[in-house]
Each structure stands twice: as structure tokens, then as C-alpha cells.
Amino acid sequence: MHSPPVPIPDLVHLVNSPEDISPAEVHNGLLHLLGLPAGPPRDVMLGSVLTALLLRGPRSAEVEAAIRAARTLDHSAWEPLMPPSGMRLVGYTGSGKKTYKTINISSAAALVAAAGGAHIAKLGSRSASSKTGSRDFMDVVGARCEHLSPQAMVDIAGECGFGFFSIEHRVPEFDQRYGRRFQAVHALSLGFPALLSPVACHGFVYGLSHPAVQVSARLLHRLGLGDVTVVNSSPVPGSQVDELIPGGTVRVCRLTAGQEDLDFARAIGEASGVVGPVGGLGALAQRADPRANVAAIVHLLAGRAPAVARRTVALNAAVLMVTAGAVPTLPAGLATALAVLDDGAALDTLRRFVFLTSGAPRTVDALLRLPSDHRPASDRETTAC
């Protein structure tokens, strides 16, 4: 006996038209899709609609309606914890789904920024498309984050400047319908992960594996993030990465109080040309297995990494430090970040963080004893593109 056909929501047809779709039509249509029975028909239609909404512009009103619809499934997730007064906490996460796979640049940058005087709330999850997501990174270095409440993690951030907040279980109803089904960026990638923080942040840096940084920043501002910076880069033609990689094309949009900070974007563009690239991009390439991927970051934090890796992490850390108010300018942030990498202070921050989570700091030292270069031979022989 055949199952009855799955009804096709109007939104599946509307995205094929060049006409604008009203926010109500997007909102109701996406909720209709998310409410369909689990199975390939729902997943295919959901993927088609989310991809089409991105390819249609993206058009801000349509994407905002889609994100608002996704948020309605988990009402309890949207009451963030307030950090202590006097702590300027900066949230940091990315869309993932980068097309040039790298080591954990964002985790390293967050630790360097923390060692440089910032307070960073690193949001993350297990990887769906790379060797290691930031949650995988925490597991491999021996941190025990899963048993800690958001308040406990805020307290840890107050002590060492760095806290890790898993977002995997923030939206269980939505995740049942979405989780680990999509390997490429789509409409929700323009901002949804940045809205999952369990703690309120005074500023936010969001990495996007898509060039639409202005659309993303304005969208996040309308959805409640007052000081938000969105970054993207293309280290090689046709690639999209949700961090800044010097030497390639970098894209930045920072909004403060709704106004775009063009001077900040210009400073990042200038710094990108000054600090890189030095040597091949292979130094940033994803390693062959998760443990080797994490070991590469531990060596970097200890000051044992090629110049291109050090300078890439320093540039991303400098953006975080400026957002946190730990340094007055981007050049000052770069100088601080490079000094932190040279003297091993970021590695000390990682050890301290692991200890404060009741983890095993000796795991960090064990990773440091691994050879510093675990790339396959084909990667080690790669020169700059």
C-alpha cells in the first residue's frame, strides 16, 4: 500500500518566481515545511527552499522571515543569561560549511584574543562538514564542557577570558528537523547560529562562508545584535571561508548602533595585505584526522607555526580584541596577538581553561608532543595559490 503524497507548501513554488515573497508567506511556508512528516520529501523541499532564498539575492526581508520562523519552534531557548556588569563579553561563531577546509582558526583566534585581554564567548558545535568543529576541538584538548551550565561557563570566562558555549542543544525542536542534513550554506546561514548564544553579548563577530556580509550584518542588527561584525574571505578563487585569511579577498561589515564602520573595514583590508600571505596556504589546510587537526592549533598557540598561520590567527584575534575594547585599534590588536603567540600566553590560556572545566591539561601537553606537521605529503608540497 502506497503512502499518501506529501503536500507541497506554496513556498516551494514561490521561490521559483522573480517576484518578492512577503515575510508572512516565507514565515508560514517554512513552518509548514518544518511541520511535515520526517523523511526525504520534507528534507528535499526544505533544502530547496533554504537554498533558493539565498540565491534570490539574498533578499533581507525574506531571510529575516525564515530565521524568525526557525526561532519559533524553541521558545525557551531565547532567554540569554546576562554576564556580570563590567564584563564586555564578545560572542564569536560562524556559519561553518566553508569550501576551503582549514584547521580551527576561530578557536585559536578566540584563545589568543582572551590572552590579549578580551572576554570571548565562543559558540560552537560538532562539525558536520569538516574534521573538527569547535566542540570537537574542546573534546580533543581534554576540556569537559558538557556538564557545565552557562553560568558556570561565564564564571570561567571571567577567570581566563575564554568560555565555550555549545549550541547543539539550544534548539532541540528545530534540530530534529534540520540537524546534520545540510552541507552547504543557505538562507539561515546568514545569521541563525549567531542568535543561539545562551549568554547576552555586548558585541558579536560572526564568520560567514558567503560574500553577503552586509546583508548578514544588517539582518543580525535587526534581530537584536547592536555591535556586530561579519567577516568572510576567499583565500583562493571560488572558495568561501568564515574567517579572515590574509592575502586573498576579505570582506567585512561592522555595524555599531546601526551605522556601518567603513574605517574598520578599510583597516582590515589594509592589514590583510600587510600581514599575508607568507608561504603556502597548506599551513592552514585541514589535517588528515581530528587529533592532528587540533595538534596543529596547539603548536600554533605555542608559537610553533608557519608565518601564514600565525598571521591569520592574529588578524582574526585582533578583530575580536577591538570589538571587546581590549585594544584601541586594529594595528594594536595585531601587535598584541603576535606577541601573545610569541610568548605562549595563548597556550597558557588554553591550559587554564581546560583546568577550570575540571578537564585534563596534560592532554594539551600530549598534543604538543606530536609532530607539528601532520599534513599529507600533497598538502606539504603545496605552494601559495
Protein backbone atom coordinates (compact mmCIF):
# COMPACT_ATOMS: atom_id res chain seq x y z
CA MET A 1 0.00 0.00 0.00
CA HIS A 2 1.45 3.36 -1.03
CA SER A 3 1.78 6.23 1.44
CA PRO A 4 -0.31 9.31 0.65
CA PRO A 5 1.64 12.04 -1.18
CA VAL A 6 3.25 14.72 0.97
CA PRO A 7 1.52 18.09 0.44
CA ILE A 8 3.73 20.67 -1.24
CA PRO A 9 3.66 24.07 0.52
CA ASP A 10 3.13 27.12 -1.70
CA LEU A 11 6.57 28.43 -0.70
CA VAL A 12 8.22 25.66 -2.73
CA HIS A 13 6.67 27.20 -5.85
CA LEU A 14 7.00 30.86 -4.84
CA VAL A 15 10.81 30.72 -4.60
CA ASN A 16 10.90 29.96 -8.34
CA SER A 17 9.30 33.31 -9.17
CA PRO A 18 11.33 36.53 -9.55
CA GLU A 19 8.70 38.42 -7.54
CA ASP A 20 9.26 39.32 -3.89
CA ILE A 21 7.74 36.92 -1.40
CA SER A 22 6.04 38.54 1.57
CA PRO A 23 7.51 37.89 5.03
CA ALA A 24 4.24 36.22 6.06
CA GLU A 25 4.41 33.83 3.11
CA VAL A 26 8.02 32.90 3.94
CA HIS A 27 7.31 32.55 7.66
CA ASN A 28 4.19 30.44 7.28
CA GLY A 29 5.59 28.43 4.40
CA LEU A 30 8.75 27.48 6.28
CA LEU A 31 6.75 26.49 9.36
CA HIS A 32 4.57 24.35 7.09
CA LEU A 33 7.69 22.66 5.72
CA LEU A 34 9.18 22.10 9.17
CA GLY A 35 5.90 20.57 10.31
CA LEU A 36 5.78 17.92 7.57
CA PRO A 37 6.46 14.28 8.47
CA ALA A 38 10.13 13.36 8.66
CA GLY A 39 11.55 11.86 5.51
CA PRO A 40 13.23 12.60 2.18
CA PRO A 41 10.34 14.66 0.72
CA ARG A 42 10.48 17.14 3.61
CA ASP A 43 14.29 17.29 3.58
CA VAL A 44 14.47 17.85 -0.18
CA MET A 45 11.85 20.61 -0.12
CA LEU A 46 13.43 22.26 2.93
CA GLY A 47 16.87 22.23 1.32
CA SER A 48 15.48 23.56 -1.95
CA VAL A 49 13.66 26.45 -0.27
CA LEU A 50 16.56 27.46 2.00
CA THR A 51 18.99 27.39 -0.92
CA ALA A 52 16.60 29.31 -3.19
CA LEU A 53 16.10 32.04 -0.56
CA LEU A 54 19.87 32.56 -0.54
CA LEU A 55 20.20 32.54 -4.32
CA ARG A 56 17.34 35.02 -4.80
CA GLY A 57 19.54 37.88 -3.64
CA PRO A 58 19.58 37.22 -0.80
CA ARG A 59 16.62 39.49 -0.02
CA SER A 60 16.81 40.64 3.58
CA ALA A 61 13.09 40.59 4.36
CA GLU A 62 12.73 37.03 3.09
CA VAL A 63 15.73 35.73 5.03
CA GLU A 64 14.66 37.52 8.20
CA ALA A 65 11.23 35.90 7.96
CA ALA A 66 12.84 32.48 7.54
CA ILE A 67 15.05 32.97 10.60
CA ARG A 68 12.13 34.20 12.68
CA ALA A 69 10.16 31.11 11.67
CA ALA A 70 13.02 28.81 12.66
CA ARG A 71 13.22 30.52 16.06
CA THR A 72 9.54 29.97 16.88
CA LEU A 73 9.97 26.21 17.37
CA ASP A 74 12.03 26.57 20.56
CA HIS A 75 10.62 29.41 22.64
CA SER A 76 12.59 28.60 25.79
CA ALA A 77 15.94 28.99 24.02
CA TRP A 78 15.69 32.75 23.64
CA GLU A 79 16.26 33.96 27.21
CA PRO A 80 20.02 34.61 27.41
CA LEU A 81 21.94 34.87 30.65
CA MET A 82 23.29 38.33 31.48
CA PRO A 83 27.05 38.48 32.18
CA PRO A 84 28.33 40.38 35.23
CA SER A 85 28.42 44.14 34.96
CA GLY A 86 31.84 45.30 33.86
CA MET A 87 32.49 42.25 31.67
CA ARG A 88 32.30 43.19 27.98
CA LEU A 89 31.65 39.73 26.59
CA VAL A 90 32.09 39.24 22.84
CA GLY A 91 30.24 36.41 21.12
CA TYR A 92 32.03 34.55 18.34
CA THR A 93 30.83 31.87 15.98
CA GLY A 94 30.45 31.14 12.30
CA SER A 95 28.22 29.61 9.69
CA GLY A 96 30.61 26.74 9.02
CA LYS A 97 30.27 24.93 5.69
CA LYS A 98 33.40 26.58 4.32
CA THR A 99 34.52 25.39 0.91
CA TYR A 100 38.25 25.62 1.73
CA LYS A 101 38.70 23.31 4.72
CA THR A 102 41.08 24.63 7.39
CA ILE A 103 42.33 23.96 10.88
CA ASN A 104 40.30 25.53 13.72
CA ILE A 105 41.22 29.15 13.05
CA SER A 106 38.33 30.59 15.06
CA SER A 107 39.07 28.57 18.21
CA ALA A 108 42.71 29.65 18.08
CA ALA A 109 41.77 33.29 17.47
CA ALA A 110 39.38 33.27 20.43
CA LEU A 111 42.08 31.93 22.76
CA VAL A 112 44.62 34.48 21.50
CA ALA A 113 42.12 37.31 22.00
CA ALA A 114 41.41 36.07 25.53
CA ALA A 115 45.13 36.04 26.32
CA GLY A 116 45.26 39.58 24.93
CA GLY A 117 42.72 40.90 27.43
CA ALA A 118 39.34 40.21 25.80
CA HIS A 119 36.45 38.17 27.20
CA ILE A 120 35.24 35.80 24.49
CA ALA A 121 32.13 33.61 24.43
CA LYS A 122 32.99 31.04 21.76
CA LEU A 123 29.85 29.36 20.47
CA GLY A 124 30.10 26.10 18.62
CA SER A 125 29.02 22.59 17.83
CA ARG A 126 30.40 19.38 16.46
CA SER A 127 31.40 19.53 12.84
CA ALA A 128 29.00 18.46 10.13
CA SER A 129 31.31 19.17 7.19
CA SER A 130 34.94 19.30 8.45
CA LYS A 131 37.29 17.17 10.55
CA THR A 132 36.72 19.16 13.73
CA GLY A 133 34.17 21.73 14.82
CA SER A 134 34.87 23.86 17.88
CA ARG A 135 33.04 21.37 20.13
CA ASP A 136 35.26 18.58 18.76
CA PHE A 137 38.28 20.80 19.45
CA MET A 138 37.26 21.16 23.10
CA ASP A 139 36.87 17.40 23.47
CA VAL A 140 40.27 16.63 21.93
CA VAL A 141 42.14 19.12 24.16
CA GLY A 142 40.62 17.49 27.25
CA ALA A 143 38.10 20.16 28.29
CA ARG A 144 34.91 18.96 29.99
CA CYS A 145 32.28 21.43 28.84
CA GLU A 146 29.22 19.22 28.63
CA HIS A 147 28.47 19.22 32.37
CA LEU A 148 28.82 22.98 32.88
CA SER A 149 25.89 25.39 32.99
CA PRO A 150 26.02 28.68 31.06
CA GLN A 151 26.53 30.48 34.38
CA ALA A 152 29.50 28.27 35.24
CA MET A 153 30.99 28.94 31.81
CA VAL A 154 30.52 32.70 32.22
CA ASP A 155 32.40 32.42 35.52
CA ILE A 156 35.22 30.58 33.74
CA ALA A 157 35.32 33.30 31.07
CA GLY A 158 35.66 35.83 33.87
CA GLU A 159 38.71 33.97 35.19
CA CYS A 160 40.60 33.21 31.98
CA GLY A 161 38.93 35.35 29.31
CA PHE A 162 37.53 32.40 27.37
CA GLY A 163 34.33 30.42 27.64
CA PHE A 164 32.87 27.79 25.34
CA PHE A 165 29.12 27.50 24.86
CA SER A 166 27.74 24.56 22.93
CA ILE A 167 24.73 25.47 20.79
CA GLU A 168 23.84 21.93 19.74
CA HIS A 169 21.03 21.54 22.25
CA ARG A 170 19.76 25.12 22.26
CA VAL A 171 17.07 24.41 19.66
CA PRO A 172 16.07 20.74 20.00
CA GLU A 173 12.78 21.03 18.12
CA PHE A 174 14.40 22.78 15.18
CA ASP A 175 17.42 20.48 15.28
CA GLN A 176 15.23 17.39 14.93
CA ARG A 177 14.14 18.70 11.55
CA TYR A 178 17.40 20.29 10.43
CA GLY A 179 20.43 18.81 12.19
CA ARG A 180 23.25 17.35 10.04
CA ARG A 181 21.19 17.34 6.85
CA PHE A 182 22.81 20.27 5.05
CA GLN A 183 26.42 20.57 3.92
CA ALA A 184 26.34 23.93 2.10
CA VAL A 185 25.40 27.47 3.14
CA HIS A 186 21.78 28.55 2.73
CA ALA A 187 19.48 31.34 3.91
CA LEU A 188 19.64 30.51 7.62
CA SER A 189 23.46 30.56 7.45
CA LEU A 190 23.25 34.35 7.15
CA GLY A 191 22.60 34.69 10.87
CA PHE A 192 20.79 31.89 12.70
CA PRO A 193 23.87 30.44 14.51
CA ALA A 194 24.76 33.87 15.93
CA LEU A 195 21.35 34.06 17.62
CA LEU A 196 21.79 30.86 19.62
CA SER A 197 24.04 32.23 22.36
CA PRO A 198 22.88 31.25 25.86
CA VAL A 199 24.58 34.38 27.20
CA ALA A 200 23.99 38.01 26.22
CA CYS A 201 27.00 39.55 24.47
CA HIS A 202 27.92 43.22 24.19
CA GLY A 203 29.45 42.67 20.77
CA PHE A 204 29.46 39.86 18.25
CA VAL A 205 31.79 38.65 15.50
CA TYR A 206 30.19 36.28 13.01
CA GLY A 207 32.02 34.39 10.29
CA LEU A 208 30.09 33.70 7.10
CA SER A 209 31.01 31.29 4.31
CA HIS A 210 29.28 33.54 1.78
CA PRO A 211 30.12 37.01 0.40
CA ALA A 212 26.90 38.72 1.62
CA VAL A 213 28.47 40.24 4.74
CA GLN A 214 26.45 43.48 4.56
CA VAL A 215 23.15 41.62 4.29
CA SER A 216 24.13 39.38 7.20
CA ALA A 217 25.27 42.24 9.45
CA ARG A 218 22.12 44.29 8.86
CA LEU A 219 19.97 41.24 9.39
CA LEU A 220 21.65 40.44 12.71
CA HIS A 221 21.31 44.06 13.78
CA ARG A 222 17.57 43.99 13.11
CA LEU A 223 17.36 40.75 15.08
CA GLY A 224 18.90 42.32 18.16
CA LEU A 225 22.71 42.41 17.89
CA GLY A 226 23.76 46.02 18.45
CA ASP A 227 27.51 45.80 17.73
CA VAL A 228 28.06 43.14 15.10
CA THR A 229 30.90 42.38 12.70
CA VAL A 230 30.52 39.85 9.89
CA VAL A 231 33.63 38.53 8.14
CA ASN A 232 34.30 36.38 5.09
CA SER A 233 37.24 35.61 2.85
CA SER A 234 38.15 33.83 -0.37
CA PRO A 235 41.73 32.57 0.01
CA VAL A 236 41.62 31.06 -3.48
CA PRO A 237 39.24 31.92 -6.33
CA GLY A 238 35.81 30.38 -5.88
CA SER A 239 36.33 29.49 -2.21
CA GLN A 240 34.38 30.82 0.78
CA VAL A 241 35.67 30.75 4.36
CA ASP A 242 34.03 32.03 7.55
CA GLU A 243 37.21 33.61 8.90
CA LEU A 244 39.63 36.23 7.60
CA ILE A 245 42.55 34.75 5.68
CA PRO A 246 45.12 37.41 4.74
CA GLY A 247 46.28 37.79 1.18
CA GLY A 248 43.08 36.70 -0.51
CA THR A 249 39.84 38.62 -0.88
CA VAL A 250 38.48 39.67 2.52
CA ARG A 251 35.00 41.04 3.17
CA VAL A 252 33.95 42.78 6.38
CA CYS A 253 30.92 44.68 7.61
CA ARG A 254 30.78 46.13 11.11
CA LEU A 255 27.63 47.84 12.36
CA THR A 256 27.59 49.82 15.59
CA ALA A 257 24.30 51.43 16.56
CA GLY A 258 23.08 50.64 13.06
CA GLN A 259 25.88 52.54 11.31
CA GLU A 260 28.46 50.82 9.12
CA ASP A 261 32.05 51.38 10.27
CA LEU A 262 33.81 51.82 6.94
CA ASP A 263 37.11 52.79 8.58
CA PHE A 264 37.24 49.46 10.42
CA ALA A 265 36.58 47.52 7.23
CA ARG A 266 39.27 49.54 5.45
CA ALA A 267 41.77 48.85 8.24
CA ILE A 268 41.13 45.11 7.96
CA GLY A 269 41.60 45.23 4.20
CA GLU A 270 44.90 47.07 4.63
CA ALA A 271 46.06 44.69 7.36
CA SER A 272 45.21 41.69 5.21
CA GLY A 273 47.61 42.91 2.56
CA VAL A 274 50.32 43.72 5.10
CA VAL A 275 50.29 40.52 7.14
CA GLY A 276 49.98 37.87 4.46
CA PRO A 277 50.26 35.60 2.75
CA VAL A 278 53.69 34.32 3.74
CA GLY A 279 54.34 30.80 2.48
CA GLY A 280 51.78 28.34 1.23
CA LEU A 281 48.18 28.11 2.33
CA GLY A 282 48.90 24.47 3.15
CA ALA A 283 49.82 25.64 6.66
CA LEU A 284 46.12 26.42 7.17
CA ALA A 285 44.76 23.31 5.48
CA GLN A 286 42.70 20.76 7.36
CA ARG A 287 44.81 17.83 8.56
CA ALA A 288 44.21 14.16 7.90
CA ASP A 289 42.42 13.35 11.17
CA PRO A 290 40.79 15.25 14.08
CA ARG A 291 43.65 14.78 16.54
CA ALA A 292 46.21 16.07 14.04
CA ASN A 293 43.90 18.99 13.24
CA VAL A 294 43.80 20.01 16.91
CA ALA A 295 47.52 19.38 17.43
CA ALA A 296 48.25 21.90 14.68
CA ILE A 297 46.41 24.57 16.69
CA VAL A 298 48.16 23.65 19.94
CA HIS A 299 51.53 24.03 18.22
CA LEU A 300 50.39 27.37 16.82
CA LEU A 301 49.37 28.60 20.28
CA ALA A 302 52.83 27.61 21.50
CA GLY A 303 54.44 29.79 18.84
CA ARG A 304 55.43 26.86 16.63
CA ALA A 305 53.67 27.51 13.33
CA PRO A 306 54.45 28.93 9.89
CA ALA A 307 54.06 32.67 9.48
CA VAL A 308 50.87 32.43 7.40
CA ALA A 309 49.09 30.50 10.17
CA ARG A 310 50.31 32.87 12.92
CA ARG A 311 49.28 35.94 10.98
CA THR A 312 45.90 34.56 10.01
CA VAL A 313 45.03 33.79 13.62
CA ALA A 314 46.44 37.15 14.74
CA LEU A 315 44.23 39.06 12.29
CA ASN A 316 41.07 37.30 13.47
CA ALA A 317 42.08 37.74 17.11
CA ALA A 318 42.69 41.45 16.53
CA VAL A 319 39.11 41.88 15.30
CA LEU A 320 37.87 40.24 18.50
CA MET A 321 40.08 42.41 20.70
CA VAL A 322 38.89 45.62 19.04
CA THR A 323 35.26 44.51 19.44
CA ALA A 324 35.92 43.74 23.11
CA GLY A 325 37.58 47.11 23.73
CA ALA A 326 40.79 45.36 24.81
CA VAL A 327 42.80 47.39 22.26
CA PRO A 328 42.02 50.77 20.65
CA THR A 329 42.87 49.94 17.03
CA LEU A 330 43.32 47.01 14.70
CA PRO A 331 47.12 47.54 14.37
CA ALA A 332 47.37 47.48 18.17
CA GLY A 333 45.36 44.26 18.18
CA LEU A 334 47.66 42.68 15.61
CA ALA A 335 50.73 43.61 17.63
CA THR A 336 49.18 42.22 20.81
CA ALA A 337 48.08 38.99 19.12
CA LEU A 338 51.51 38.32 17.63
CA ALA A 339 53.16 38.99 21.00
CA VAL A 340 50.73 36.57 22.67
CA LEU A 341 51.63 33.90 20.14
CA ASP A 342 55.35 34.55 20.55
CA ASP A 343 55.36 34.20 24.33
CA GLY A 344 52.96 31.25 24.60
CA ALA A 345 50.31 33.15 26.59
CA ALA A 346 47.50 31.73 24.44
CA LEU A 347 48.64 28.19 25.21
CA ASP A 348 48.60 29.07 28.91
CA THR A 349 45.02 30.33 28.46
CA LEU A 350 44.02 27.03 26.88
CA ARG A 351 45.61 25.04 29.72
CA ARG A 352 43.89 27.25 32.28
CA PHE A 353 40.53 26.85 30.55
CA VAL A 354 40.83 23.06 30.44
CA PHE A 355 41.74 23.02 34.14
CA LEU A 356 38.78 25.24 35.08
CA THR A 357 36.39 22.85 33.31
CA SER A 358 37.76 20.00 35.50
CA GLY A 359 39.42 18.62 32.40
CA ALA A 360 42.93 17.29 31.89
CA PRO A 361 45.53 19.94 30.93
CA ARG A 362 48.05 17.15 30.38
CA THR A 363 46.09 16.33 27.22
CA VAL A 364 47.22 19.68 25.80
CA ASP A 365 50.82 18.80 26.58
CA ALA A 366 50.40 15.39 24.93
CA LEU A 367 49.18 17.10 21.75
CA LEU A 368 52.19 19.39 21.90
CA ARG A 369 54.47 16.35 21.80
CA LEU A 370 53.02 15.23 18.48
CA PRO A 371 54.92 16.27 15.34
CA SER A 372 53.93 19.78 14.34
CA ASP A 373 53.07 18.92 10.74
CA HIS A 374 50.56 16.12 10.17
CA ARG A 375 49.50 17.21 6.71
CA PRO A 376 49.50 14.68 3.91
CA ALA A 377 52.51 14.96 1.59
CA SER A 378 50.35 16.53 -1.12
CA ASP A 379 49.48 19.38 1.26
CA ARG A 380 53.05 19.86 2.49
CA GLU A 381 54.21 20.34 -1.07
CA THR A 382 51.52 22.90 -1.93
CA THR A 383 52.71 26.42 -2.61
CA ALA A 384 50.74 29.63 -2.35
CA CYS A 385 47.82 29.87 -4.76
